[in-house]
Amino acid sequence: MEHGHSMSEVVVRFLLGGLIVSTFALIGDVFQPKRFAGLAGAAPAVALASLALAYSSRGAPYVAVEARSMAIGAIAFSVYGVACVFIARQRKLPIGLGAAFGWAVWLTVAGAGWAILARFA
């Protein structure tokens, strides 16, 4: 297994991830609009399962860095989503150029977050 993960850790990750994904999907299904149920089910569940397993095998300092990185990624993804809304409203913008602009926004925000984290860590 890559990165030294044992087969039992992979099984625990699978089971824990499935349980958390199911829980978040149920919560997401309760709220409106229903299209957010999938988003609420996937990312938070995988993040929590990964952090729990990382904590048990690598300790709190490692998990703190991972959690900060996930927070920066979530902020970058949110800004990317907002940018995509504005990009999609530009009817004459070619799709490839719009996609490139969206990725540039995400990369800029993620890179800035990483740089800030590296400077103050």
PDB file of N, CA and C in Angstrom:
ATOM      1  N   MET A   1       0.838  -1.161   0.000  1.00  0.00           N
ATOM      2  CA  MET A   1       0.000   0.000   0.000  1.00  0.00           C
ATOM      3  C   MET A   1       0.894   1.238   0.000  1.00  0.00           C
ATOM      4  N   GLU A   2       0.452   2.323  -0.630  1.00  0.00           N
ATOM      5  CA  GLU A   2       1.267   3.516  -0.700  1.00  0.00           C
ATOM      6  C   GLU A   2       1.279   4.257   0.633  1.00  0.00           C
ATOM      7  N   HIS A   3       2.352   4.987   0.881  1.00  0.00           N
ATOM      8  CA  HIS A   3       2.526   5.794   2.077  1.00  0.00           C
ATOM      9  C   HIS A   3       2.443   4.962   3.353  1.00  0.00           C
ATOM     10  N   GLY A   4       2.746   3.689   3.289  1.00  0.00           N
ATOM     11  CA  GLY A   4       2.806   2.865   4.472  1.00  0.00           C
ATOM     12  C   GLY A   4       1.465   2.518   5.095  1.00  0.00           C
ATOM     13  N   HIS A   5       0.386   2.612   4.357  1.00  0.00           N
ATOM     14  CA  HIS A   5      -0.926   2.262   4.896  1.00  0.00           C
ATOM     15  C   HIS A   5      -1.060   0.741   4.897  1.00  0.00           C
ATOM     16  N   SER A   6      -1.440   0.190   6.043  1.00  0.00           N
ATOM     17  CA  SER A   6      -1.663  -1.235   6.122  1.00  0.00           C
ATOM     18  C   SER A   6      -3.046  -1.555   5.567  1.00  0.00           C
ATOM     19  N   MET A   7      -3.261  -2.815   5.271  1.00  0.00           N
ATOM     20  CA  MET A   7      -4.552  -3.238   4.742  1.00  0.00           C
ATOM     21  C   MET A   7      -5.656  -2.961   5.761  1.00  0.00           C
ATOM     22  N   SER A   8      -5.371  -3.162   7.058  1.00  0.00           N
ATOM     23  CA  SER A   8      -6.397  -2.909   8.075  1.00  0.00           C
ATOM     24  C   SER A   8      -6.741  -1.427   8.137  1.00  0.00           C
ATOM     25  N   GLU A   9      -5.760  -0.547   7.941  1.00  0.00           N
ATOM     26  CA  GLU A   9      -6.037   0.889   7.940  1.00  0.00           C
ATOM     27  C   GLU A   9      -6.901   1.262   6.741  1.00  0.00           C
ATOM     28  N   VAL A  10      -6.662   0.641   5.615  1.00  0.00           N
ATOM     29  CA  VAL A  10      -7.463   0.904   4.420  1.00  0.00           C
ATOM     30  C   VAL A  10      -8.909   0.448   4.651  1.00  0.00           C
ATOM     31  N   VAL A  11      -9.093  -0.697   5.284  1.00  0.00           N
ATOM     32  CA  VAL A  11     -10.437  -1.200   5.574  1.00  0.00           C
ATOM     33  C   VAL A  11     -11.153  -0.262   6.550  1.00  0.00           C
ATOM     34  N   VAL A  12     -10.437   0.170   7.601  1.00  0.00           N
ATOM     35  CA  VAL A  12     -11.033   1.098   8.568  1.00  0.00           C
ATOM     36  C   VAL A  12     -11.392   2.405   7.872  1.00  0.00           C
ATOM     37  N   ARG A  13     -10.509   2.914   7.017  1.00  0.00           N
ATOM     38  CA  ARG A  13     -10.774   4.148   6.278  1.00  0.00           C
ATOM     39  C   ARG A  13     -12.021   3.980   5.412  1.00  0.00           C
ATOM     40  N   PHE A  14     -12.139   2.841   4.756  1.00  0.00           N
ATOM     41  CA  PHE A  14     -13.303   2.562   3.902  1.00  0.00           C
ATOM     42  C   PHE A  14     -14.585   2.546   4.721  1.00  0.00           C
ATOM     43  N   LEU A  15     -14.580   1.819   5.835  1.00  0.00           N
ATOM     44  CA  LEU A  15     -15.782   1.704   6.665  1.00  0.00           C
ATOM     45  C   LEU A  15     -16.138   3.029   7.324  1.00  0.00           C
ATOM     46  N   LEU A  16     -15.136   3.703   7.886  1.00  0.00           N
ATOM     47  CA  LEU A  16     -15.378   4.985   8.529  1.00  0.00           C
ATOM     48  C   LEU A  16     -15.850   6.019   7.511  1.00  0.00           C
ATOM     49  N   GLY A  17     -15.209   6.054   6.363  1.00  0.00           N
ATOM     50  CA  GLY A  17     -15.615   6.978   5.303  1.00  0.00           C
ATOM     51  C   GLY A  17     -17.039   6.730   4.854  1.00  0.00           C
ATOM     52  N   GLY A  18     -17.395   5.460   4.672  1.00  0.00           N
ATOM     53  CA  GLY A  18     -18.760   5.120   4.264  1.00  0.00           C
ATOM     54  C   GLY A  18     -19.792   5.534   5.284  1.00  0.00           C
ATOM     55  N   LEU A  19     -19.481   5.308   6.558  1.00  0.00           N
ATOM     56  CA  LEU A  19     -20.398   5.689   7.631  1.00  0.00           C
ATOM     57  C   LEU A  19     -20.573   7.204   7.676  1.00  0.00           C
ATOM     58  N   ILE A  20     -19.470   7.939   7.584  1.00  0.00           N
ATOM     59  CA  ILE A  20     -19.553   9.394   7.656  1.00  0.00           C
ATOM     60  C   ILE A  20     -20.226   9.965   6.410  1.00  0.00           C
ATOM     61  N   VAL A  21     -19.907   9.422   5.239  1.00  0.00           N
ATOM     62  CA  VAL A  21     -20.560   9.880   4.007  1.00  0.00           C
ATOM     63  C   VAL A  21     -22.064   9.671   4.110  1.00  0.00           C
ATOM     64  N   SER A  22     -22.480   8.525   4.596  1.00  0.00           N
ATOM     65  CA  SER A  22     -23.911   8.241   4.738  1.00  0.00           C
ATOM     66  C   SER A  22     -24.576   9.205   5.714  1.00  0.00           C
ATOM     67  N   THR A  23     -23.905   9.499   6.815  1.00  0.00           N
ATOM     68  CA  THR A  23     -24.452  10.431   7.796  1.00  0.00           C
ATOM     69  C   THR A  23     -24.607  11.826   7.202  1.00  0.00           C
ATOM     70  N   PHE A  24     -23.551  12.317   6.537  1.00  0.00           N
ATOM     71  CA  PHE A  24     -23.630  13.639   5.929  1.00  0.00           C
ATOM     72  C   PHE A  24     -24.667  13.670   4.802  1.00  0.00           C
ATOM     73  N   ALA A  25     -24.794  12.591   4.051  1.00  0.00           N
ATOM     74  CA  ALA A  25     -25.796  12.546   2.981  1.00  0.00           C
ATOM     75  C   ALA A  25     -27.204  12.632   3.559  1.00  0.00           C
ATOM     76  N   LEU A  26     -27.432  11.946   4.684  1.00  0.00           N
ATOM     77  CA  LEU A  26     -28.732  12.038   5.349  1.00  0.00           C
ATOM     78  C   LEU A  26     -29.013  13.464   5.809  1.00  0.00           C
ATOM     79  N   ILE A  27     -28.021  14.101   6.409  1.00  0.00           N
ATOM     80  CA  ILE A  27     -28.187  15.487   6.858  1.00  0.00           C
ATOM     81  C   ILE A  27     -28.439  16.392   5.659  1.00  0.00           C
ATOM     82  N   GLY A  28     -27.651  16.210   4.602  1.00  0.00           N
ATOM     83  CA  GLY A  28     -27.814  17.021   3.403  1.00  0.00           C
ATOM     84  C   GLY A  28     -29.162  16.824   2.745  1.00  0.00           C
ATOM     85  N   ASP A  29     -29.714  15.631   2.863  1.00  0.00           N
ATOM     86  CA  ASP A  29     -31.009  15.340   2.239  1.00  0.00           C
ATOM     87  C   ASP A  29     -32.160  16.039   2.967  1.00  0.00           C
ATOM     88  N   VAL A  30     -31.948  16.358   4.228  1.00  0.00           N
ATOM     89  CA  VAL A  30     -32.985  17.008   5.017  1.00  0.00           C
ATOM     90  C   VAL A  30     -33.140  18.476   4.598  1.00  0.00           C
ATOM     91  N   PHE A  31     -32.047  19.112   4.201  1.00  0.00           N
ATOM     92  CA  PHE A  31     -32.067  20.537   3.892  1.00  0.00           C
ATOM     93  C   PHE A  31     -32.336  20.789   2.423  1.00  0.00           C
ATOM     94  N   GLN A  32     -32.755  22.022   2.125  1.00  0.00           N
ATOM     95  CA  GLN A  32     -33.061  22.426   0.755  1.00  0.00           C
ATOM     96  C   GLN A  32     -31.936  23.311   0.241  1.00  0.00           C
ATOM     97  N   PRO A  33     -31.641  23.408  -0.997  1.00  0.00           N
ATOM     98  CA  PRO A  33     -32.132  22.555  -2.063  1.00  0.00           C
ATOM     99  C   PRO A  33     -31.454  21.186  -2.029  1.00  0.00           C
ATOM    100  N   LYS A  34     -32.115  20.204  -2.573  1.00  0.00           N
ATOM    101  CA  LYS A  34     -31.641  18.824  -2.531  1.00  0.00           C
ATOM    102  C   LYS A  34     -30.320  18.635  -3.274  1.00  0.00           C
ATOM    103  N   ARG A  35     -30.009  19.509  -4.214  1.00  0.00           N
ATOM    104  CA  ARG A  35     -28.778  19.326  -4.986  1.00  0.00           C
ATOM    105  C   ARG A  35     -27.532  19.480  -4.124  1.00  0.00           C
ATOM    106  N   PHE A  36     -27.672  20.053  -2.920  1.00  0.00           N
ATOM    107  CA  PHE A  36     -26.522  20.191  -2.038  1.00  0.00           C
ATOM    108  C   PHE A  36     -26.255  18.922  -1.226  1.00  0.00           C
ATOM    109  N   ALA A  37     -27.137  17.945  -1.293  1.00  0.00           N
ATOM    110  CA  ALA A  37     -26.969  16.722  -0.500  1.00  0.00           C
ATOM    111  C   ALA A  37     -25.677  16.003  -0.856  1.00  0.00           C
ATOM    112  N   GLY A  38     -25.354  15.915  -2.129  1.00  0.00           N
ATOM    113  CA  GLY A  38     -24.121  15.248  -2.545  1.00  0.00           C
ATOM    114  C   GLY A  38     -22.888  15.974  -2.084  1.00  0.00           C
ATOM    115  N   LEU A  39     -22.904  17.296  -2.189  1.00  0.00           N
ATOM    116  CA  LEU A  39     -21.773  18.107  -1.750  1.00  0.00           C
ATOM    117  C   LEU A  39     -21.577  17.979  -0.247  1.00  0.00           C
ATOM    118  N   ALA A  40     -22.676  17.978   0.489  1.00  0.00           N
ATOM    119  CA  ALA A  40     -22.598  17.853   1.938  1.00  0.00           C
ATOM    120  C   ALA A  40     -22.145  16.460   2.341  1.00  0.00           C
ATOM    121  N   GLY A  41     -22.350  15.471   1.480  1.00  0.00           N
ATOM    122  CA  GLY A  41     -21.992  14.105   1.831  1.00  0.00           C
ATOM    123  C   GLY A  41     -20.546  13.749   1.580  1.00  0.00           C
ATOM    124  N   ALA A  42     -19.960  14.259   0.540  1.00  0.00           N
ATOM    125  CA  ALA A  42     -18.651  13.775   0.117  1.00  0.00           C
ATOM    126  C   ALA A  42     -17.484  14.429   0.845  1.00  0.00           C
ATOM    127  N   ALA A  43     -17.251  15.686   0.599  1.00  0.00           N
ATOM    128  CA  ALA A  43     -16.033  16.328   1.082  1.00  0.00           C
ATOM    129  C   ALA A  43     -15.880  16.326   2.606  1.00  0.00           C
ATOM    130  N   PRO A  44     -16.884  16.748   3.373  1.00  0.00           N
ATOM    131  CA  PRO A  44     -16.696  16.741   4.826  1.00  0.00           C
ATOM    132  C   PRO A  44     -16.470  15.337   5.384  1.00  0.00           C
ATOM    133  N   ALA A  45     -17.148  14.375   4.817  1.00  0.00           N
ATOM    134  CA  ALA A  45     -17.015  13.006   5.319  1.00  0.00           C
ATOM    135  C   ALA A  45     -15.623  12.454   5.068  1.00  0.00           C
ATOM    136  N   VAL A  46     -15.124  12.648   3.889  1.00  0.00           N
ATOM    137  CA  VAL A  46     -13.781  12.165   3.561  1.00  0.00           C
ATOM    138  C   VAL A  46     -12.741  12.898   4.397  1.00  0.00           C
ATOM    139  N   ALA A  47     -12.931  14.199   4.574  1.00  0.00           N
ATOM    140  CA  ALA A  47     -11.998  14.987   5.377  1.00  0.00           C
ATOM    141  C   ALA A  47     -11.967  14.499   6.822  1.00  0.00           C
ATOM    142  N   LEU A  48     -13.144  14.291   7.413  1.00  0.00           N
ATOM    143  CA  LEU A  48     -13.192  13.825   8.803  1.00  0.00           C
ATOM    144  C   LEU A  48     -12.582  12.444   8.967  1.00  0.00           C
ATOM    145  N   ALA A  49     -12.872  11.554   8.039  1.00  0.00           N
ATOM    146  CA  ALA A  49     -12.294  10.204   8.116  1.00  0.00           C
ATOM    147  C   ALA A  49     -10.783  10.268   7.982  1.00  0.00           C
ATOM    148  N   SER A  50     -10.296  11.066   7.051  1.00  0.00           N
ATOM    149  CA  SER A  50      -8.851  11.191   6.852  1.00  0.00           C
ATOM    150  C   SER A  50      -8.169  11.788   8.080  1.00  0.00           C
ATOM    151  N   LEU A  51      -8.776  12.819   8.658  1.00  0.00           N
ATOM    152  CA  LEU A  51      -8.181  13.443   9.844  1.00  0.00           C
ATOM    153  C   LEU A  51      -8.186  12.500  11.041  1.00  0.00           C
ATOM    154  N   ALA A  52      -9.265  11.745  11.208  1.00  0.00           N
ATOM    155  CA  ALA A  52      -9.326  10.795  12.328  1.00  0.00           C
ATOM    156  C   ALA A  52      -8.245   9.732  12.204  1.00  0.00           C
ATOM    157  N   LEU A  53      -8.074   9.204  11.014  1.00  0.00           N
ATOM    158  CA  LEU A  53      -7.041   8.180  10.817  1.00  0.00           C
ATOM    159  C   LEU A  53      -5.645   8.771  10.927  1.00  0.00           C
ATOM    160  N   ALA A  54      -5.456   9.967  10.415  1.00  0.00           N
ATOM    161  CA  ALA A  54      -4.149  10.618  10.521  1.00  0.00           C
ATOM    162  C   ALA A  54      -3.803  10.891  11.980  1.00  0.00           C
ATOM    163  N   TYR A  55      -4.790  11.294  12.751  1.00  0.00           N
ATOM    164  CA  TYR A  55      -4.561  11.550  14.168  1.00  0.00           C
ATOM    165  C   TYR A  55      -4.123  10.280  14.887  1.00  0.00           C
ATOM    166  N   SER A  56      -4.777   9.174  14.583  1.00  0.00           N
ATOM    167  CA  SER A  56      -4.442   7.925  15.266  1.00  0.00           C
ATOM    168  C   SER A  56      -3.071   7.392  14.867  1.00  0.00           C
ATOM    169  N   SER A  57      -2.620   7.697  13.654  1.00  0.00           N
ATOM    170  CA  SER A  57      -1.331   7.151  13.222  1.00  0.00           C
ATOM    171  C   SER A  57      -0.181   8.155  13.262  1.00  0.00           C
ATOM    172  N   ARG A  58      -0.485   9.468  13.175  1.00  0.00           N
ATOM    173  CA  ARG A  58       0.602  10.450  13.073  1.00  0.00           C
ATOM    174  C   ARG A  58       0.562  11.543  14.127  1.00  0.00           C
ATOM    175  N   GLY A  59      -0.536  11.673  14.853  1.00  0.00           N
ATOM    176  CA  GLY A  59      -0.602  12.628  15.949  1.00  0.00           C
ATOM    177  C   GLY A  59      -1.161  13.995  15.581  1.00  0.00           C
ATOM    178  N   ALA A  60      -1.332  14.796  16.630  1.00  0.00           N
ATOM    179  CA  ALA A  60      -1.987  16.097  16.502  1.00  0.00           C
ATOM    180  C   ALA A  60      -1.237  17.106  15.632  1.00  0.00           C
ATOM    181  N   PRO A  61       0.095  17.234  15.736  1.00  0.00           N
ATOM    182  CA  PRO A  61       0.768  18.244  14.913  1.00  0.00           C
ATOM    183  C   PRO A  61       0.558  18.009  13.407  1.00  0.00           C
ATOM    184  N   TYR A  62       0.607  16.763  12.988  1.00  0.00           N
ATOM    185  CA  TYR A  62       0.377  16.434  11.579  1.00  0.00           C
ATOM    186  C   TYR A  62      -1.048  16.784  11.168  1.00  0.00           C
ATOM    187  N   VAL A  63      -2.008  16.436  12.022  1.00  0.00           N
ATOM    188  CA  VAL A  63      -3.412  16.688  11.718  1.00  0.00           C
ATOM    189  C   VAL A  63      -3.689  18.194  11.678  1.00  0.00           C
ATOM    190  N   ALA A  64      -3.009  18.967  12.509  1.00  0.00           N
ATOM    191  CA  ALA A  64      -3.201  20.420  12.506  1.00  0.00           C
ATOM    192  C   ALA A  64      -2.814  21.010  11.152  1.00  0.00           C
ATOM    193  N   VAL A  65      -1.699  20.565  10.605  1.00  0.00           N
ATOM    194  CA  VAL A  65      -1.264  21.048   9.287  1.00  0.00           C
ATOM    195  C   VAL A  65      -2.246  20.602   8.214  1.00  0.00           C
ATOM    196  N   GLU A  66      -2.680  19.358   8.280  1.00  0.00           N
ATOM    197  CA  GLU A  66      -3.641  18.844   7.307  1.00  0.00           C
ATOM    198  C   GLU A  66      -4.968  19.612   7.380  1.00  0.00           C
ATOM    199  N   ALA A  67      -5.441  19.887   8.575  1.00  0.00           N
ATOM    200  CA  ALA A  67      -6.708  20.607   8.743  1.00  0.00           C
ATOM    201  C   ALA A  67      -6.598  22.025   8.194  1.00  0.00           C
ATOM    202  N   ARG A  68      -5.475  22.695   8.455  1.00  0.00           N
ATOM    203  CA  ARG A  68      -5.278  24.042   7.890  1.00  0.00           C
ATOM    204  C   ARG A  68      -5.260  23.984   6.368  1.00  0.00           C
ATOM    205  N   SER A  69      -4.608  22.980   5.833  1.00  0.00           N
ATOM    206  CA  SER A  69      -4.554  22.827   4.376  1.00  0.00           C
ATOM    207  C   SER A  69      -5.942  22.588   3.801  1.00  0.00           C
ATOM    208  N   MET A  70      -6.739  21.784   4.484  1.00  0.00           N
ATOM    209  CA  MET A  70      -8.116  21.537   4.033  1.00  0.00           C
ATOM    210  C   MET A  70      -8.941  22.810   4.085  1.00  0.00           C
ATOM    211  N   ALA A  71      -8.739  23.627   5.119  1.00  0.00           N
ATOM    212  CA  ALA A  71      -9.473  24.887   5.231  1.00  0.00           C
ATOM    213  C   ALA A  71      -9.107  25.824   4.082  1.00  0.00           C
ATOM    214  N   ILE A  72      -7.829  25.903   3.763  1.00  0.00           N
ATOM    215  CA  ILE A  72      -7.394  26.731   2.634  1.00  0.00           C
ATOM    216  C   ILE A  72      -8.007  26.205   1.340  1.00  0.00           C
ATOM    217  N   GLY A  73      -8.015  24.891   1.166  1.00  0.00           N
ATOM    218  CA  GLY A  73      -8.626  24.299  -0.020  1.00  0.00           C
ATOM    219  C   GLY A  73     -10.113  24.594  -0.112  1.00  0.00           C
ATOM    220  N   ALA A  74     -10.809  24.571   1.023  1.00  0.00           N
ATOM    221  CA  ALA A  74     -12.246  24.865   1.038  1.00  0.00           C
ATOM    222  C   ALA A  74     -12.509  26.321   0.664  1.00  0.00           C
ATOM    223  N   ILE A  75     -11.679  27.220   1.170  1.00  0.00           N
ATOM    224  CA  ILE A  75     -11.828  28.639   0.819  1.00  0.00           C
ATOM    225  C   ILE A  75     -11.577  28.829  -0.674  1.00  0.00           C
ATOM    226  N   ALA A  76     -10.505  28.217  -1.187  1.00  0.00           N
ATOM    227  CA  ALA A  76     -10.183  28.341  -2.616  1.00  0.00           C
ATOM    228  C   ALA A  76     -11.306  27.765  -3.473  1.00  0.00           C
ATOM    229  N   PHE A  77     -11.871  26.643  -3.060  1.00  0.00           N
ATOM    230  CA  PHE A  77     -12.960  26.028  -3.809  1.00  0.00           C
ATOM    231  C   PHE A  77     -14.208  26.907  -3.799  1.00  0.00           C
ATOM    232  N   SER A  78     -14.480  27.535  -2.662  1.00  0.00           N
ATOM    233  CA  SER A  78     -15.646  28.424  -2.571  1.00  0.00           C
ATOM    234  C   SER A  78     -15.486  29.631  -3.485  1.00  0.00           C
ATOM    235  N   VAL A  79     -14.302  30.234  -3.481  1.00  0.00           N
ATOM    236  CA  VAL A  79     -14.049  31.374  -4.359  1.00  0.00           C
ATOM    237  C   VAL A  79     -14.137  30.940  -5.822  1.00  0.00           C
ATOM    238  N   TYR A  80     -13.621  29.757  -6.121  1.00  0.00           N
ATOM    239  CA  TYR A  80     -13.711  29.198  -7.473  1.00  0.00           C
ATOM    240  C   TYR A  80     -15.174  29.048  -7.894  1.00  0.00           C
ATOM    241  N   GLY A  81     -16.011  28.544  -6.989  1.00  0.00           N
ATOM    242  CA  GLY A  81     -17.433  28.378  -7.300  1.00  0.00           C
ATOM    243  C   GLY A  81     -18.108  29.701  -7.613  1.00  0.00           C
ATOM    244  N   VAL A  82     -17.809  30.721  -6.824  1.00  0.00           N
ATOM    245  CA  VAL A  82     -18.375  32.051  -7.080  1.00  0.00           C
ATOM    246  C   VAL A  82     -17.877  32.574  -8.425  1.00  0.00           C
ATOM    247  N   ALA A  83     -16.585  32.400  -8.688  1.00  0.00           N
ATOM    248  CA  ALA A  83     -16.018  32.844  -9.971  1.00  0.00           C
ATOM    249  C   ALA A  83     -16.696  32.122 -11.135  1.00  0.00           C
ATOM    250  N   CYS A  84     -16.986  30.835 -10.968  1.00  0.00           N
ATOM    251  CA  CYS A  84     -17.649  30.074 -12.032  1.00  0.00           C
ATOM    252  C   CYS A  84     -19.034  30.620 -12.351  1.00  0.00           C
ATOM    253  N   VAL A  85     -19.740  31.096 -11.327  1.00  0.00           N
ATOM    254  CA  VAL A  85     -21.051  31.698 -11.565  1.00  0.00           C
ATOM    255  C   VAL A  85     -20.902  32.927 -12.450  1.00  0.00           C
ATOM    256  N   PHE A  86     -19.945  33.779 -12.117  1.00  0.00           N
ATOM    257  CA  PHE A  86     -19.721  34.978 -12.924  1.00  0.00           C
ATOM    258  C   PHE A  86     -19.224  34.633 -14.323  1.00  0.00           C
ATOM    259  N   ILE A  87     -18.362  33.645 -14.420  1.00  0.00           N
ATOM    260  CA  ILE A  87     -17.833  33.222 -15.728  1.00  0.00           C
ATOM    261  C   ILE A  87     -18.968  32.686 -16.599  1.00  0.00           C
ATOM    262  N   ALA A  88     -19.841  31.878 -16.007  1.00  0.00           N
ATOM    263  CA  ALA A  88     -20.939  31.272 -16.776  1.00  0.00           C
ATOM    264  C   ALA A  88     -21.914  32.316 -17.312  1.00  0.00           C
ATOM    265  N   ARG A  89     -21.981  33.445 -16.665  1.00  0.00           N
ATOM    266  CA  ARG A  89     -22.878  34.515 -17.123  1.00  0.00           C
ATOM    267  C   ARG A  89     -22.328  35.271 -18.333  1.00  0.00           C
ATOM    268  N   GLN A  90     -21.062  35.071 -18.644  1.00  0.00           N
ATOM    269  CA  GLN A  90     -20.445  35.731 -19.791  1.00  0.00           C
ATOM    270  C   GLN A  90     -20.722  34.887 -21.032  1.00  0.00           C
ATOM    271  N   ARG A  91     -21.783  35.182 -21.719  1.00  0.00           N
ATOM    272  CA  ARG A  91     -22.264  34.356 -22.835  1.00  0.00           C
ATOM    273  C   ARG A  91     -21.271  34.267 -23.996  1.00  0.00           C
ATOM    274  N   LYS A  92     -20.495  35.296 -24.222  1.00  0.00           N
ATOM    275  CA  LYS A  92     -19.592  35.294 -25.383  1.00  0.00           C
ATOM    276  C   LYS A  92     -18.203  34.762 -25.061  1.00  0.00           C
ATOM    277  N   LEU A  93     -17.975  34.389 -23.835  1.00  0.00           N
ATOM    278  CA  LEU A  93     -16.668  33.868 -23.430  1.00  0.00           C
ATOM    279  C   LEU A  93     -16.550  32.407 -23.847  1.00  0.00           C
ATOM    280  N   PRO A  94     -15.508  32.046 -24.615  1.00  0.00           N
ATOM    281  CA  PRO A  94     -15.325  30.635 -24.987  1.00  0.00           C
ATOM    282  C   PRO A  94     -15.180  29.747 -23.746  1.00  0.00           C
ATOM    283  N   ILE A  95     -15.697  28.549 -23.825  1.00  0.00           N
ATOM    284  CA  ILE A  95     -15.699  27.631 -22.679  1.00  0.00           C
ATOM    285  C   ILE A  95     -14.289  27.368 -22.160  1.00  0.00           C
ATOM    286  N   GLY A  96     -13.362  27.127 -23.070  1.00  0.00           N
ATOM    287  CA  GLY A  96     -11.984  26.848 -22.655  1.00  0.00           C
ATOM    288  C   GLY A  96     -11.362  28.013 -21.911  1.00  0.00           C
ATOM    289  N   LEU A  97     -11.604  29.212 -22.371  1.00  0.00           N
ATOM    290  CA  LEU A  97     -11.072  30.401 -21.705  1.00  0.00           C
ATOM    291  C   LEU A  97     -11.732  30.600 -20.345  1.00  0.00           C
ATOM    292  N   GLY A  98     -13.036  30.355 -20.283  1.00  0.00           N
ATOM    293  CA  GLY A  98     -13.734  30.452 -19.003  1.00  0.00           C
ATOM    294  C   GLY A  98     -13.211  29.437 -17.997  1.00  0.00           C
ATOM    295  N   ALA A  99     -12.984  28.215 -18.456  1.00  0.00           N
ATOM    296  CA  ALA A  99     -12.437  27.174 -17.575  1.00  0.00           C
ATOM    297  C   ALA A  99     -11.040  27.555 -17.096  1.00  0.00           C
ATOM    298  N   ALA A 100     -10.226  28.064 -18.006  1.00  0.00           N
ATOM    299  CA  ALA A 100      -8.867  28.478 -17.644  1.00  0.00           C
ATOM    300  C   ALA A 100      -8.912  29.605 -16.610  1.00  0.00           C
ATOM    301  N   PHE A 101      -9.827  30.542 -16.773  1.00  0.00           N
ATOM    302  CA  PHE A 101      -9.963  31.632 -15.817  1.00  0.00           C
ATOM    303  C   PHE A 101     -10.385  31.096 -14.443  1.00  0.00           C
ATOM    304  N   GLY A 102     -11.336  30.176 -14.423  1.00  0.00           N
ATOM    305  CA  GLY A 102     -11.770  29.585 -13.155  1.00  0.00           C
ATOM    306  C   GLY A 102     -10.629  28.877 -12.447  1.00  0.00           C
ATOM    307  N   TRP A 103      -9.868  28.088 -13.182  1.00  0.00           N
ATOM    308  CA  TRP A 103      -8.727  27.397 -12.593  1.00  0.00           C
ATOM    309  C   TRP A 103      -7.686  28.389 -12.083  1.00  0.00           C
ATOM    310  N   ALA A 104      -7.477  29.480 -12.820  1.00  0.00           N
ATOM    311  CA  ALA A 104      -6.515  30.502 -12.393  1.00  0.00           C
ATOM    312  C   ALA A 104      -6.958  31.138 -11.078  1.00  0.00           C
ATOM    313  N   VAL A 105      -8.262  31.378 -10.942  1.00  0.00           N
ATOM    314  CA  VAL A 105      -8.789  31.936  -9.690  1.00  0.00           C
ATOM    315  C   VAL A 105      -8.524  30.956  -8.551  1.00  0.00           C
ATOM    316  N   TRP A 106      -8.849  29.691  -8.758  1.00  0.00           N
ATOM    317  CA  TRP A 106      -8.636  28.688  -7.718  1.00  0.00           C
ATOM    318  C   TRP A 106      -7.161  28.598  -7.339  1.00  0.00           C
ATOM    319  N   LEU A 107      -6.293  28.521  -8.341  1.00  0.00           N
ATOM    320  CA  LEU A 107      -4.858  28.391  -8.090  1.00  0.00           C
ATOM    321  C   LEU A 107      -4.306  29.608  -7.359  1.00  0.00           C
ATOM    322  N   THR A 108      -4.779  30.785  -7.720  1.00  0.00           N
ATOM    323  CA  THR A 108      -4.318  32.009  -7.066  1.00  0.00           C
ATOM    324  C   THR A 108      -4.710  32.028  -5.588  1.00  0.00           C
ATOM    325  N   VAL A 109      -5.963  31.698  -5.303  1.00  0.00           N
ATOM    326  CA  VAL A 109      -6.428  31.707  -3.912  1.00  0.00           C
ATOM    327  C   VAL A 109      -5.733  30.609  -3.108  1.00  0.00           C
ATOM    328  N   ALA A 110      -5.630  29.419  -3.670  1.00  0.00           N
ATOM    329  CA  ALA A 110      -4.959  28.318  -2.968  1.00  0.00           C
ATOM    330  C   ALA A 110      -3.480  28.638  -2.746  1.00  0.00           C
ATOM    331  N   GLY A 111      -2.826  29.182  -3.761  1.00  0.00           N
ATOM    332  CA  GLY A 111      -1.411  29.546  -3.630  1.00  0.00           C
ATOM    333  C   GLY A 111      -1.192  30.627  -2.595  1.00  0.00           C
ATOM    334  N   ALA A 112      -2.066  31.623  -2.582  1.00  0.00           N
ATOM    335  CA  ALA A 112      -1.955  32.691  -1.585  1.00  0.00           C
ATOM    336  C   ALA A 112      -2.170  32.133  -0.177  1.00  0.00           C
ATOM    337  N   GLY A 113      -3.148  31.256  -0.031  1.00  0.00           N
ATOM    338  CA  GLY A 113      -3.383  30.631   1.274  1.00  0.00           C
ATOM    339  C   GLY A 113      -2.196  29.809   1.727  1.00  0.00           C
ATOM    340  N   TRP A 114      -1.617  29.056   0.821  1.00  0.00           N
ATOM    341  CA  TRP A 114      -0.439  28.251   1.147  1.00  0.00           C
ATOM    342  C   TRP A 114       0.728  29.146   1.547  1.00  0.00           C
ATOM    343  N   ALA A 115       0.924  30.241   0.816  1.00  0.00           N
ATOM    344  CA  ALA A 115       2.019  31.163   1.117  1.00  0.00           C
ATOM    345  C   ALA A 115       1.832  31.803   2.492  1.00  0.00           C
ATOM    346  N   ILE A 116       0.593  32.186   2.805  1.00  0.00           N
ATOM    347  CA  ILE A 116       0.318  32.776   4.117  1.00  0.00           C
ATOM    348  C   ILE A 116       0.564  31.748   5.207  1.00  0.00           C
ATOM    349  N   LEU A 117       0.090  30.533   4.996  1.00  0.00           N
ATOM    350  CA  LEU A 117       0.296  29.464   5.972  1.00  0.00           C
ATOM    351  C   LEU A 117       1.784  29.184   6.178  1.00  0.00           C
ATOM    352  N   ALA A 118       2.536  29.120   5.082  1.00  0.00           N
ATOM    353  CA  ALA A 118       3.972  28.846   5.184  1.00  0.00           C
ATOM    354  C   ALA A 118       4.707  29.961   5.911  1.00  0.00           C
ATOM    355  N   ARG A 119       4.265  31.179   5.711  1.00  0.00           N
ATOM    356  CA  ARG A 119       4.942  32.319   6.343  1.00  0.00           C
ATOM    357  C   ARG A 119       4.730  32.354   7.849  1.00  0.00           C
ATOM    358  N   PHE A 120       3.509  31.994   8.281  1.00  0.00           N
ATOM    359  CA  PHE A 120       3.187  32.094   9.697  1.00  0.00           C
ATOM    360  C   PHE A 120       3.305  30.765  10.449  1.00  0.00           C
ATOM    361  N   ALA A 121       3.633  29.709   9.764  1.00  0.00           N
ATOM    362  CA  ALA A 121       3.732  28.398  10.433  1.00  0.00           C
ATOM    363  C   ALA A 121       5.080  28.216  11.095  1.00  0.00           C
TER     364      ALA A 121
END
